[in-house]
N, C-alpha and C. Protein backbone atom coordinates (compact mmCIF):
# COMPACT_ATOMS: atom_id res chain seq x y z
N MET A 1 59.90 7.93 -83.55
CA MET A 1 60.69 7.24 -82.53
C MET A 1 61.54 6.15 -83.21
N ASN A 2 62.89 6.16 -82.98
CA ASN A 2 63.74 5.18 -83.64
C ASN A 2 63.56 3.79 -83.02
N LYS A 3 64.12 2.78 -83.70
CA LYS A 3 63.93 1.40 -83.27
C LYS A 3 64.52 1.14 -81.89
N PHE A 4 65.68 1.76 -81.62
CA PHE A 4 66.32 1.55 -80.32
C PHE A 4 65.45 2.08 -79.19
N LEU A 5 64.92 3.29 -79.37
CA LEU A 5 64.09 3.90 -78.34
C LEU A 5 62.80 3.11 -78.16
N THR A 6 62.22 2.66 -79.27
CA THR A 6 60.99 1.87 -79.20
C THR A 6 61.22 0.59 -78.41
N HIS A 7 62.37 -0.06 -78.69
CA HIS A 7 62.71 -1.30 -77.98
C HIS A 7 62.91 -1.03 -76.48
N ALA A 8 63.57 0.07 -76.16
CA ALA A 8 63.84 0.42 -74.76
C ALA A 8 62.54 0.68 -74.01
N VAL A 9 61.62 1.41 -74.63
CA VAL A 9 60.33 1.69 -74.00
C VAL A 9 59.56 0.40 -73.78
N SER A 10 59.61 -0.50 -74.76
CA SER A 10 58.92 -1.79 -74.64
C SER A 10 59.46 -2.59 -73.47
N LEU A 11 60.78 -2.57 -73.29
CA LEU A 11 61.39 -3.30 -72.18
C LEU A 11 60.98 -2.72 -70.83
N VAL A 12 60.93 -1.41 -70.76
CA VAL A 12 60.50 -0.75 -69.51
C VAL A 12 59.07 -1.13 -69.16
N LEU A 13 58.19 -1.07 -70.16
CA LEU A 13 56.78 -1.40 -69.92
C LEU A 13 56.62 -2.87 -69.53
N LEU A 14 57.39 -3.75 -70.20
CA LEU A 14 57.33 -5.17 -69.87
C LEU A 14 57.82 -5.42 -68.45
N SER A 15 58.92 -4.76 -68.07
CA SER A 15 59.47 -4.92 -66.72
C SER A 15 58.48 -4.44 -65.67
N ALA A 16 57.81 -3.32 -65.94
CA ALA A 16 56.82 -2.79 -65.00
C ALA A 16 55.64 -3.73 -64.88
N SER A 17 55.23 -4.32 -66.01
CA SER A 17 54.11 -5.25 -66.00
C SER A 17 54.45 -6.50 -65.19
N VAL A 18 55.68 -7.03 -65.38
CA VAL A 18 56.11 -8.22 -64.64
C VAL A 18 56.20 -7.91 -63.15
N ALA A 19 56.75 -6.74 -62.80
CA ALA A 19 56.87 -6.36 -61.39
C ALA A 19 55.50 -6.25 -60.74
N PHE A 20 54.54 -5.67 -61.48
CA PHE A 20 53.19 -5.53 -60.95
C PHE A 20 52.57 -6.90 -60.72
N ALA A 21 52.75 -7.81 -61.71
CA ALA A 21 52.19 -9.15 -61.59
C ALA A 21 52.80 -9.89 -60.41
N GLN A 22 54.12 -9.71 -60.21
CA GLN A 22 54.79 -10.40 -59.12
C GLN A 22 54.36 -9.86 -57.76
N ASP A 23 53.84 -8.64 -57.73
CA ASP A 23 53.40 -8.05 -56.47
C ASP A 23 52.02 -8.55 -56.07
N LYS A 24 51.37 -9.30 -56.96
CA LYS A 24 50.05 -9.85 -56.69
C LYS A 24 50.14 -11.36 -56.49
N ILE A 25 49.41 -11.86 -55.51
CA ILE A 25 49.39 -13.30 -55.24
C ILE A 25 47.94 -13.76 -55.09
N PRO A 26 47.66 -15.03 -55.34
CA PRO A 26 46.29 -15.52 -55.17
C PRO A 26 45.88 -15.50 -53.69
N LEU A 27 44.65 -15.12 -53.43
CA LEU A 27 44.11 -15.19 -52.07
C LEU A 27 43.78 -16.64 -51.77
N VAL A 28 44.39 -17.16 -50.72
CA VAL A 28 44.16 -18.55 -50.33
C VAL A 28 43.72 -18.58 -48.87
N THR A 29 42.67 -19.33 -48.60
CA THR A 29 42.22 -19.50 -47.22
C THR A 29 41.88 -20.96 -47.00
N LYS A 30 41.91 -21.41 -45.77
CA LYS A 30 41.56 -22.79 -45.46
C LYS A 30 40.05 -22.93 -45.42
N LEU A 31 39.52 -23.76 -46.30
CA LEU A 31 38.07 -23.95 -46.37
C LEU A 31 37.62 -25.02 -45.38
N PRO A 32 36.40 -24.88 -44.85
CA PRO A 32 35.86 -25.92 -43.97
C PRO A 32 35.44 -27.14 -44.78
N ASP A 33 35.21 -28.24 -44.09
CA ASP A 33 34.70 -29.44 -44.76
C ASP A 33 33.25 -29.21 -45.17
N PRO A 34 32.84 -29.75 -46.32
CA PRO A 34 31.43 -29.67 -46.71
C PRO A 34 30.57 -30.36 -45.66
N LEU A 35 29.40 -29.78 -45.39
CA LEU A 35 28.52 -30.36 -44.38
C LEU A 35 27.07 -30.03 -44.74
N PHE A 36 26.30 -31.07 -44.98
CA PHE A 36 24.87 -30.88 -45.24
C PHE A 36 24.09 -31.80 -44.31
N VAL A 37 23.20 -31.22 -43.50
CA VAL A 37 22.41 -31.99 -42.55
C VAL A 37 20.94 -31.58 -42.67
N GLY A 38 20.05 -32.49 -42.28
CA GLY A 38 18.64 -32.17 -42.29
C GLY A 38 18.05 -32.16 -43.69
N THR A 39 16.79 -31.80 -43.77
CA THR A 39 16.07 -31.74 -45.03
C THR A 39 16.11 -30.32 -45.59
N PRO A 40 16.61 -30.14 -46.81
CA PRO A 40 16.67 -28.79 -47.39
C PRO A 40 15.29 -28.16 -47.47
N VAL A 41 15.23 -26.87 -47.20
CA VAL A 41 13.97 -26.12 -47.32
C VAL A 41 13.95 -25.48 -48.72
N PRO A 42 12.97 -25.83 -49.56
CA PRO A 42 12.94 -25.28 -50.92
C PRO A 42 12.73 -23.77 -50.91
N PHE A 43 13.30 -23.08 -51.87
CA PHE A 43 13.13 -21.64 -51.97
C PHE A 43 13.18 -21.22 -53.42
N THR A 44 12.55 -20.10 -53.70
CA THR A 44 12.59 -19.50 -55.04
C THR A 44 12.99 -18.05 -54.89
N ILE A 45 14.16 -17.72 -55.39
CA ILE A 45 14.69 -16.37 -55.30
C ILE A 45 14.98 -15.87 -56.71
N PRO A 46 14.38 -14.76 -57.13
CA PRO A 46 14.67 -14.24 -58.48
C PRO A 46 16.09 -13.69 -58.59
N ASN A 47 16.65 -13.77 -59.79
CA ASN A 47 17.96 -13.21 -60.09
C ASN A 47 19.07 -13.81 -59.23
N LEU A 48 18.94 -15.11 -58.93
CA LEU A 48 19.91 -15.77 -58.06
C LEU A 48 21.25 -15.96 -58.77
N GLU A 49 22.32 -15.68 -58.07
CA GLU A 49 23.66 -15.86 -58.61
C GLU A 49 23.94 -17.36 -58.79
N PRO A 50 24.64 -17.75 -59.86
CA PRO A 50 24.98 -19.18 -60.03
C PRO A 50 25.73 -19.70 -58.80
N GLU A 51 25.42 -20.92 -58.41
CA GLU A 51 26.02 -21.48 -57.20
C GLU A 51 27.53 -21.68 -57.37
N THR A 52 28.29 -21.34 -56.34
CA THR A 52 29.74 -21.49 -56.36
C THR A 52 30.11 -22.95 -56.36
N LYS A 53 30.97 -23.34 -57.30
CA LYS A 53 31.42 -24.72 -57.41
C LYS A 53 32.89 -24.90 -57.03
N LYS A 54 33.61 -23.79 -56.93
CA LYS A 54 35.02 -23.87 -56.54
C LYS A 54 35.44 -22.53 -55.95
N TRP A 55 36.54 -22.55 -55.24
CA TRP A 55 37.08 -21.32 -54.67
C TRP A 55 37.53 -20.41 -55.80
N PRO A 56 37.09 -19.15 -55.82
CA PRO A 56 37.43 -18.26 -56.93
C PRO A 56 38.90 -17.85 -56.92
N GLU A 57 39.45 -17.61 -58.10
CA GLU A 57 40.81 -17.08 -58.19
C GLU A 57 40.73 -15.57 -58.03
N PHE A 58 41.38 -15.06 -56.98
CA PHE A 58 41.31 -13.64 -56.66
C PHE A 58 42.69 -13.19 -56.24
N MET A 59 43.23 -12.20 -56.92
CA MET A 59 44.58 -11.74 -56.65
C MET A 59 44.59 -10.58 -55.65
N VAL A 60 45.55 -10.63 -54.73
CA VAL A 60 45.70 -9.59 -53.71
C VAL A 60 47.17 -9.19 -53.61
N PRO A 61 47.46 -8.01 -53.06
CA PRO A 61 48.86 -7.62 -52.90
C PRO A 61 49.63 -8.59 -52.00
N ALA A 62 50.89 -8.82 -52.34
CA ALA A 62 51.74 -9.65 -51.49
C ALA A 62 51.76 -9.08 -50.08
N GLY A 63 51.73 -9.94 -49.09
CA GLY A 63 51.72 -9.50 -47.69
C GLY A 63 50.33 -9.33 -47.11
N THR A 64 49.30 -9.56 -47.93
CA THR A 64 47.92 -9.46 -47.45
C THR A 64 47.63 -10.57 -46.44
N VAL A 65 46.98 -10.21 -45.33
CA VAL A 65 46.65 -11.19 -44.29
C VAL A 65 45.20 -10.99 -43.84
N ASN A 66 44.70 -11.94 -43.07
CA ASN A 66 43.37 -11.80 -42.49
C ASN A 66 43.46 -10.91 -41.26
N LEU A 67 43.02 -9.68 -41.39
CA LEU A 67 43.12 -8.69 -40.32
C LEU A 67 42.05 -8.86 -39.25
N ALA A 68 41.04 -9.68 -39.53
CA ALA A 68 39.92 -9.80 -38.61
C ALA A 68 40.16 -10.81 -37.49
N ILE A 69 41.08 -11.75 -37.70
CA ILE A 69 41.23 -12.87 -36.79
C ILE A 69 41.41 -12.43 -35.33
N SER A 70 40.55 -12.96 -34.49
CA SER A 70 40.57 -12.73 -33.02
C SER A 70 40.22 -11.31 -32.61
N ASN A 71 39.82 -10.46 -33.54
CA ASN A 71 39.50 -9.08 -33.18
C ASN A 71 38.08 -8.96 -32.63
N LYS A 72 37.84 -7.84 -31.97
CA LYS A 72 36.56 -7.62 -31.27
C LYS A 72 35.40 -7.50 -32.25
N VAL A 73 34.29 -8.13 -31.87
CA VAL A 73 33.06 -8.08 -32.66
C VAL A 73 31.94 -7.52 -31.80
N THR A 74 31.20 -6.57 -32.35
CA THR A 74 29.99 -6.06 -31.72
C THR A 74 28.82 -6.32 -32.67
N ALA A 75 27.59 -6.09 -32.19
CA ALA A 75 26.44 -6.40 -33.03
C ALA A 75 25.23 -5.58 -32.61
N SER A 76 24.27 -5.52 -33.53
CA SER A 76 23.00 -4.85 -33.23
C SER A 76 22.21 -5.63 -32.18
N ASP A 77 22.43 -6.93 -32.11
CA ASP A 77 21.82 -7.79 -31.10
C ASP A 77 22.90 -8.12 -30.08
N SER A 78 22.89 -7.43 -28.96
CA SER A 78 23.95 -7.60 -27.97
C SER A 78 23.81 -8.87 -27.15
N ASP A 79 22.68 -9.55 -27.29
CA ASP A 79 22.44 -10.80 -26.55
C ASP A 79 22.03 -11.88 -27.55
N PRO A 80 23.00 -12.48 -28.25
CA PRO A 80 22.67 -13.47 -29.29
C PRO A 80 21.81 -14.61 -28.77
N VAL A 81 20.98 -15.13 -29.66
CA VAL A 81 20.10 -16.24 -29.32
C VAL A 81 20.92 -17.50 -29.07
N VAL A 82 21.93 -17.71 -29.92
CA VAL A 82 22.82 -18.87 -29.81
C VAL A 82 24.25 -18.41 -30.01
N GLY A 83 25.16 -18.93 -29.21
CA GLY A 83 26.58 -18.64 -29.39
C GLY A 83 26.99 -17.27 -28.89
N THR A 84 28.24 -16.91 -29.16
CA THR A 84 28.81 -15.64 -28.72
C THR A 84 29.47 -14.94 -29.91
N LEU A 85 29.59 -13.63 -29.82
CA LEU A 85 30.08 -12.84 -30.95
C LEU A 85 31.53 -13.14 -31.32
N ASP A 86 32.32 -13.60 -30.37
CA ASP A 86 33.72 -13.89 -30.68
C ASP A 86 33.87 -15.03 -31.69
N LEU A 87 32.82 -15.82 -31.90
CA LEU A 87 32.87 -16.90 -32.88
C LEU A 87 33.05 -16.36 -34.31
N VAL A 88 32.67 -15.11 -34.52
CA VAL A 88 32.73 -14.52 -35.87
C VAL A 88 34.17 -14.38 -36.36
N THR A 89 35.12 -14.25 -35.45
CA THR A 89 36.52 -14.04 -35.85
C THR A 89 37.48 -15.02 -35.17
N ASP A 90 36.97 -16.20 -34.79
CA ASP A 90 37.82 -17.15 -34.06
C ASP A 90 38.59 -18.10 -34.95
N GLY A 91 38.38 -18.03 -36.27
CA GLY A 91 39.10 -18.89 -37.20
C GLY A 91 38.43 -20.22 -37.47
N ASP A 92 37.35 -20.54 -36.77
CA ASP A 92 36.64 -21.81 -36.94
C ASP A 92 35.51 -21.62 -37.96
N LYS A 93 35.61 -22.30 -39.10
CA LYS A 93 34.62 -22.17 -40.17
C LYS A 93 33.73 -23.40 -40.30
N ALA A 94 33.84 -24.32 -39.37
CA ALA A 94 33.02 -25.53 -39.43
C ALA A 94 31.54 -25.17 -39.38
N GLY A 95 30.71 -25.99 -39.99
CA GLY A 95 29.30 -25.67 -40.08
C GLY A 95 28.43 -26.30 -39.02
N ASP A 96 29.03 -27.05 -38.09
CA ASP A 96 28.22 -27.73 -37.08
C ASP A 96 27.93 -26.82 -35.90
N GLU A 97 27.04 -27.28 -35.01
CA GLU A 97 26.65 -26.48 -33.85
C GLU A 97 27.86 -26.16 -32.98
N GLY A 98 27.85 -24.96 -32.43
CA GLY A 98 28.96 -24.51 -31.62
C GLY A 98 29.95 -23.67 -32.40
N SER A 99 29.76 -23.58 -33.72
CA SER A 99 30.68 -22.82 -34.56
C SER A 99 30.08 -21.51 -35.06
N TRP A 100 28.79 -21.28 -34.77
CA TRP A 100 28.14 -20.08 -35.29
C TRP A 100 27.36 -19.34 -34.21
N VAL A 101 27.15 -18.06 -34.48
CA VAL A 101 26.35 -17.22 -33.60
C VAL A 101 25.03 -16.91 -34.32
N GLU A 102 23.95 -16.92 -33.57
CA GLU A 102 22.64 -16.62 -34.13
C GLU A 102 22.09 -15.34 -33.51
N LEU A 103 21.82 -14.36 -34.37
CA LEU A 103 21.20 -13.11 -33.94
C LEU A 103 19.70 -13.18 -34.17
N GLY A 104 18.96 -12.27 -33.56
CA GLY A 104 17.50 -12.28 -33.62
C GLY A 104 16.93 -11.99 -34.99
N GLN A 105 15.61 -11.90 -35.03
CA GLN A 105 14.88 -11.70 -36.28
C GLN A 105 15.05 -10.28 -36.81
N GLY A 106 14.73 -10.12 -38.11
CA GLY A 106 14.77 -8.80 -38.72
C GLY A 106 16.17 -8.40 -39.12
N LYS A 107 16.31 -7.14 -39.48
CA LYS A 107 17.60 -6.62 -39.93
C LYS A 107 18.57 -6.52 -38.76
N GLN A 108 19.72 -7.20 -38.88
CA GLN A 108 20.74 -7.21 -37.84
C GLN A 108 22.11 -7.02 -38.47
N TRP A 109 23.08 -6.63 -37.65
CA TRP A 109 24.44 -6.49 -38.15
C TRP A 109 25.47 -6.95 -37.14
N VAL A 110 26.63 -7.35 -37.65
CA VAL A 110 27.81 -7.58 -36.83
C VAL A 110 28.89 -6.63 -37.33
N GLN A 111 29.79 -6.23 -36.42
CA GLN A 111 30.82 -5.25 -36.78
C GLN A 111 32.16 -5.68 -36.20
N ILE A 112 33.20 -5.59 -37.03
CA ILE A 112 34.54 -5.99 -36.63
C ILE A 112 35.43 -4.76 -36.56
N ASP A 113 36.16 -4.64 -35.46
CA ASP A 113 37.13 -3.57 -35.27
C ASP A 113 38.51 -4.11 -35.64
N LEU A 114 39.10 -3.59 -36.71
CA LEU A 114 40.42 -4.05 -37.14
C LEU A 114 41.55 -3.43 -36.32
N THR A 115 41.22 -2.56 -35.38
CA THR A 115 42.10 -1.86 -34.43
C THR A 115 42.83 -0.66 -35.05
N LYS A 116 43.01 -0.64 -36.35
CA LYS A 116 43.62 0.50 -37.03
C LYS A 116 43.17 0.51 -38.48
N GLU A 117 43.33 1.65 -39.13
CA GLU A 117 42.92 1.75 -40.52
C GLU A 117 43.73 0.79 -41.39
N ALA A 118 43.07 0.19 -42.37
CA ALA A 118 43.71 -0.78 -43.24
C ALA A 118 43.29 -0.57 -44.68
N ASP A 119 44.12 -1.07 -45.60
CA ASP A 119 43.75 -1.16 -47.01
C ASP A 119 43.16 -2.55 -47.21
N ILE A 120 41.87 -2.61 -47.48
CA ILE A 120 41.14 -3.88 -47.49
C ILE A 120 40.95 -4.36 -48.94
N SER A 121 41.44 -5.55 -49.23
CA SER A 121 41.33 -6.11 -50.57
C SER A 121 40.07 -6.96 -50.75
N ALA A 122 39.72 -7.73 -49.73
CA ALA A 122 38.58 -8.63 -49.86
C ALA A 122 37.99 -8.96 -48.50
N ILE A 123 36.72 -9.29 -48.50
CA ILE A 123 36.04 -9.77 -47.30
C ILE A 123 35.36 -11.09 -47.66
N VAL A 124 35.54 -12.09 -46.80
CA VAL A 124 34.91 -13.39 -47.03
C VAL A 124 34.01 -13.69 -45.83
N VAL A 125 32.77 -14.09 -46.11
CA VAL A 125 31.82 -14.36 -45.02
C VAL A 125 31.21 -15.74 -45.20
N TRP A 126 31.11 -16.46 -44.09
CA TRP A 126 30.37 -17.71 -44.01
C TRP A 126 29.21 -17.49 -43.04
N HIS A 127 27.99 -17.45 -43.57
CA HIS A 127 26.82 -17.29 -42.70
C HIS A 127 26.42 -18.63 -42.07
N TYR A 128 26.25 -19.63 -42.94
CA TYR A 128 25.72 -20.93 -42.49
C TYR A 128 25.79 -21.87 -43.68
N HIS A 129 26.59 -22.94 -43.59
CA HIS A 129 26.77 -23.76 -44.79
C HIS A 129 26.40 -25.23 -44.60
N SER A 130 25.71 -25.57 -43.53
CA SER A 130 25.27 -26.96 -43.37
C SER A 130 23.93 -27.21 -44.06
N GLN A 131 23.39 -26.18 -44.70
CA GLN A 131 22.13 -26.29 -45.43
C GLN A 131 22.13 -25.21 -46.52
N ALA A 132 21.69 -25.58 -47.71
CA ALA A 132 21.60 -24.59 -48.79
C ALA A 132 20.49 -23.60 -48.46
N ARG A 133 20.85 -22.35 -48.34
CA ARG A 133 19.88 -21.29 -48.05
C ARG A 133 20.41 -19.96 -48.56
N VAL A 134 19.54 -18.98 -48.63
CA VAL A 134 19.92 -17.65 -49.09
C VAL A 134 19.63 -16.64 -47.99
N TYR A 135 20.62 -15.86 -47.61
CA TYR A 135 20.39 -14.79 -46.63
C TYR A 135 19.96 -13.54 -47.36
N ARG A 136 19.00 -12.87 -46.77
CA ARG A 136 18.37 -11.72 -47.42
C ARG A 136 19.08 -10.41 -47.05
N ASP A 137 19.07 -9.48 -48.01
CA ASP A 137 19.56 -8.11 -47.78
C ASP A 137 20.96 -8.09 -47.16
N VAL A 138 21.86 -8.83 -47.78
CA VAL A 138 23.24 -8.84 -47.31
C VAL A 138 23.94 -7.57 -47.80
N VAL A 139 24.43 -6.79 -46.86
CA VAL A 139 25.14 -5.54 -47.16
C VAL A 139 26.42 -5.52 -46.34
N VAL A 140 27.53 -5.16 -46.97
CA VAL A 140 28.82 -5.08 -46.27
C VAL A 140 29.40 -3.68 -46.50
N GLN A 141 29.76 -3.02 -45.40
CA GLN A 141 30.26 -1.65 -45.47
C GLN A 141 31.54 -1.50 -44.65
N VAL A 142 32.33 -0.48 -45.01
CA VAL A 142 33.58 -0.17 -44.34
C VAL A 142 33.58 1.31 -43.97
N SER A 143 34.12 1.63 -42.78
CA SER A 143 34.20 3.02 -42.35
C SER A 143 35.29 3.19 -41.31
N ASP A 144 35.70 4.43 -41.09
CA ASP A 144 36.58 4.76 -39.96
C ASP A 144 35.76 5.24 -38.77
N ASP A 145 34.46 5.36 -38.96
CA ASP A 145 33.54 5.81 -37.91
C ASP A 145 32.84 4.59 -37.31
N PRO A 146 33.05 4.31 -36.01
CA PRO A 146 32.44 3.12 -35.40
C PRO A 146 30.92 3.15 -35.40
N THR A 147 30.32 4.33 -35.57
CA THR A 147 28.86 4.41 -35.60
C THR A 147 28.31 4.32 -37.03
N PHE A 148 29.19 4.34 -38.01
CA PHE A 148 28.82 4.29 -39.43
C PHE A 148 27.86 5.41 -39.81
N ALA A 149 28.08 6.57 -39.19
CA ALA A 149 27.27 7.75 -39.52
C ALA A 149 27.91 8.55 -40.66
N THR A 150 29.25 8.43 -40.80
CA THR A 150 29.97 9.19 -41.84
C THR A 150 31.04 8.31 -42.47
N GLY A 151 31.47 8.72 -43.65
CA GLY A 151 32.58 8.06 -44.32
C GLY A 151 32.35 6.59 -44.60
N VAL A 152 31.15 6.23 -44.99
CA VAL A 152 30.80 4.83 -45.20
C VAL A 152 30.97 4.45 -46.68
N THR A 153 31.67 3.35 -46.92
CA THR A 153 31.80 2.79 -48.27
C THR A 153 31.14 1.43 -48.31
N THR A 154 30.21 1.26 -49.22
CA THR A 154 29.52 -0.03 -49.38
C THR A 154 30.27 -0.85 -50.42
N ILE A 155 30.70 -2.05 -50.04
CA ILE A 155 31.43 -2.89 -50.99
C ILE A 155 30.57 -4.03 -51.53
N TYR A 156 29.44 -4.28 -50.88
CA TYR A 156 28.54 -5.34 -51.36
C TYR A 156 27.13 -5.03 -50.89
N ASP A 157 26.16 -5.26 -51.79
CA ASP A 157 24.76 -4.95 -51.44
C ASP A 157 23.82 -5.74 -52.34
N ASN A 158 23.21 -6.80 -51.79
CA ASN A 158 22.22 -7.54 -52.58
C ASN A 158 20.80 -7.33 -52.06
N SER A 159 20.59 -6.19 -51.39
CA SER A 159 19.24 -5.82 -50.98
C SER A 159 18.46 -5.39 -52.22
N THR A 160 17.21 -5.05 -52.04
CA THR A 160 16.34 -4.69 -53.16
C THR A 160 16.93 -3.59 -54.02
N ASN A 161 17.57 -2.62 -53.40
CA ASN A 161 18.13 -1.48 -54.15
C ASN A 161 19.61 -1.65 -54.47
N GLY A 162 20.18 -2.80 -54.13
CA GLY A 162 21.60 -3.02 -54.35
C GLY A 162 21.93 -3.50 -55.75
N LYS A 163 23.23 -3.48 -56.07
CA LYS A 163 23.69 -3.87 -57.40
C LYS A 163 24.11 -5.33 -57.47
N ASP A 164 24.19 -6.01 -56.33
CA ASP A 164 24.65 -7.39 -56.30
C ASP A 164 23.48 -8.38 -56.23
N ARG A 165 23.76 -9.62 -56.60
CA ARG A 165 22.72 -10.63 -56.65
C ARG A 165 22.75 -11.52 -55.42
N PRO A 166 21.59 -12.01 -54.97
CA PRO A 166 21.56 -12.97 -53.86
C PRO A 166 22.28 -14.25 -54.26
N TYR A 167 22.77 -14.99 -53.27
CA TYR A 167 23.55 -16.20 -53.55
C TYR A 167 23.21 -17.30 -52.53
N VAL A 168 23.49 -18.53 -52.92
CA VAL A 168 23.26 -19.68 -52.06
C VAL A 168 24.49 -19.92 -51.19
N GLU A 169 24.26 -20.12 -49.89
CA GLU A 169 25.36 -20.38 -48.97
C GLU A 169 25.99 -21.75 -49.24
N THR A 170 27.33 -21.79 -49.27
CA THR A 170 28.08 -23.04 -49.39
C THR A 170 29.31 -22.96 -48.49
N TYR A 171 30.05 -24.06 -48.42
CA TYR A 171 31.25 -24.06 -47.58
C TYR A 171 32.37 -23.20 -48.17
N PHE A 172 32.20 -22.73 -49.42
CA PHE A 172 33.18 -21.80 -50.00
C PHE A 172 33.04 -20.40 -49.41
N GLY A 173 31.93 -20.13 -48.72
CA GLY A 173 31.68 -18.78 -48.24
C GLY A 173 31.39 -17.84 -49.41
N LYS A 174 31.43 -16.56 -49.15
CA LYS A 174 31.22 -15.56 -50.19
C LYS A 174 32.36 -14.57 -50.17
N LEU A 175 33.14 -14.53 -51.25
CA LEU A 175 34.26 -13.60 -51.35
C LEU A 175 33.76 -12.32 -52.02
N MET A 176 34.05 -11.19 -51.37
CA MET A 176 33.60 -9.88 -51.85
C MET A 176 34.80 -8.99 -52.10
N ASP A 177 34.85 -8.41 -53.28
CA ASP A 177 35.96 -7.54 -53.68
C ASP A 177 35.81 -6.18 -53.00
N ALA A 178 36.78 -5.84 -52.12
CA ALA A 178 36.73 -4.56 -51.42
C ALA A 178 37.51 -3.47 -52.15
N LYS A 179 38.22 -3.84 -53.21
CA LYS A 179 38.89 -2.87 -54.10
C LYS A 179 39.87 -1.95 -53.38
N GLY A 180 40.48 -2.44 -52.30
CA GLY A 180 41.49 -1.65 -51.62
C GLY A 180 40.96 -0.50 -50.77
N VAL A 181 39.68 -0.53 -50.44
CA VAL A 181 39.09 0.55 -49.65
C VAL A 181 39.79 0.67 -48.30
N LYS A 182 39.93 1.89 -47.81
CA LYS A 182 40.54 2.13 -46.51
C LYS A 182 39.47 2.21 -45.43
N GLY A 183 39.75 1.65 -44.26
CA GLY A 183 38.82 1.74 -43.15
C GLY A 183 39.28 0.89 -41.98
N ARG A 184 38.71 1.18 -40.82
CA ARG A 184 39.05 0.44 -39.60
C ARG A 184 37.95 -0.54 -39.20
N TYR A 185 36.71 -0.18 -39.52
CA TYR A 185 35.57 -0.99 -39.09
C TYR A 185 34.85 -1.61 -40.29
N VAL A 186 34.45 -2.86 -40.13
CA VAL A 186 33.69 -3.56 -41.16
C VAL A 186 32.36 -3.98 -40.56
N ARG A 187 31.26 -3.61 -41.23
CA ARG A 187 29.92 -3.95 -40.73
C ARG A 187 29.19 -4.78 -41.79
N LEU A 188 28.56 -5.87 -41.34
CA LEU A 188 27.84 -6.77 -42.24
C LEU A 188 26.40 -6.90 -41.79
N TYR A 189 25.47 -6.63 -42.71
CA TYR A 189 24.04 -6.71 -42.43
C TYR A 189 23.42 -7.95 -43.06
N SER A 190 22.33 -8.42 -42.48
CA SER A 190 21.47 -9.42 -43.11
C SER A 190 20.08 -9.26 -42.51
N ASN A 191 19.11 -9.94 -43.14
CA ASN A 191 17.72 -9.77 -42.71
C ASN A 191 16.97 -11.11 -42.83
N GLY A 192 17.43 -12.08 -42.05
CA GLY A 192 16.83 -13.40 -42.11
C GLY A 192 17.27 -14.18 -43.33
N ASN A 193 16.67 -15.35 -43.55
CA ASN A 193 17.07 -16.20 -44.66
C ASN A 193 15.89 -17.02 -45.16
N THR A 194 16.11 -17.83 -46.14
CA THR A 194 15.01 -18.57 -46.77
C THR A 194 14.54 -19.75 -45.93
N THR A 195 15.24 -20.07 -44.85
CA THR A 195 14.80 -21.15 -43.96
C THR A 195 14.05 -20.61 -42.75
N ASN A 196 14.53 -19.49 -42.20
CA ASN A 196 13.89 -18.89 -41.03
C ASN A 196 14.21 -17.39 -41.01
N LYS A 197 13.76 -16.72 -39.98
CA LYS A 197 13.92 -15.26 -39.90
C LYS A 197 15.17 -14.83 -39.13
N MET A 198 15.99 -15.79 -38.74
CA MET A 198 17.15 -15.48 -37.91
C MET A 198 18.37 -15.15 -38.78
N ASN A 199 19.41 -14.62 -38.13
CA ASN A 199 20.64 -14.21 -38.80
C ASN A 199 21.83 -14.95 -38.18
N HIS A 200 22.69 -15.49 -39.02
CA HIS A 200 23.78 -16.33 -38.54
C HIS A 200 25.12 -15.90 -39.12
N TYR A 201 26.16 -16.12 -38.33
CA TYR A 201 27.53 -15.90 -38.79
C TYR A 201 28.42 -17.00 -38.23
N ILE A 202 29.13 -17.67 -39.13
CA ILE A 202 30.13 -18.65 -38.72
C ILE A 202 31.49 -17.98 -38.61
N GLU A 203 31.86 -17.25 -39.67
CA GLU A 203 33.18 -16.62 -39.70
C GLU A 203 33.18 -15.48 -40.72
N VAL A 204 33.96 -14.45 -40.41
CA VAL A 204 34.21 -13.35 -41.35
C VAL A 204 35.72 -13.12 -41.40
N GLU A 205 36.26 -13.11 -42.61
CA GLU A 205 37.67 -12.79 -42.81
C GLU A 205 37.76 -11.45 -43.54
N VAL A 206 38.68 -10.61 -43.09
CA VAL A 206 38.93 -9.32 -43.74
C VAL A 206 40.39 -9.32 -44.20
N TRP A 207 40.57 -9.45 -45.51
CA TRP A 207 41.92 -9.59 -46.07
C TRP A 207 42.44 -8.22 -46.52
N GLY A 208 43.60 -7.85 -45.95
CA GLY A 208 44.18 -6.57 -46.29
C GLY A 208 45.53 -6.37 -45.64
N LYS A 209 45.96 -5.10 -45.62
CA LYS A 209 47.23 -4.72 -45.00
C LYS A 209 47.02 -3.42 -44.23
N PRO A 210 47.68 -3.27 -43.09
CA PRO A 210 47.58 -2.00 -42.37
C PRO A 210 47.92 -0.83 -43.28
N ALA A 211 47.15 0.24 -43.20
CA ALA A 211 47.39 1.40 -44.07
C ALA A 211 48.74 2.02 -43.75
N ALA A 212 49.42 2.50 -44.79
CA ALA A 212 50.75 3.11 -44.60
C ALA A 212 50.59 4.45 -43.89
């Protein structure tokens, strides 16, 4: 390959690389104020993920938005102990009372209907951040089937058989890489926490773009 052709190919590759980089932007969301109340309940969890100290840098395609905001939420517990299911997608991430929904004991889930299939880049969840605690068996899945009987993609799983590590709840929430998976419904599981056996959700954001 002569020098001219080599230079031309290099310019093409560089231009493509710059265009690709310009098509990606940092994911930015409004974080709630830090809030710690009451006496922390001590816990010992093996293989615990290092505690989040800052909002992670995560790149998403330009035009990515929170598709979950104000959308319908259903749950395995149709009669929450505290709060209402609409709190999960109302945009309020504050950690004080009145901002979260509490589901019953044992394994429970909440599910968000995005109304149409989407390309999902990331999911961010705030379970409860007014106290340091760890929620057990957190699993997040995406599907086009509202019953999650078929076509299920798991994007996060820190249960006993999962590949992800348990983490401590903070006001940063937990950002999960969805890797552009396609789907209309997002389902999030948990199974109590290190403070009590209940399941809580303050807010869930689903960042993506409607599928072409």
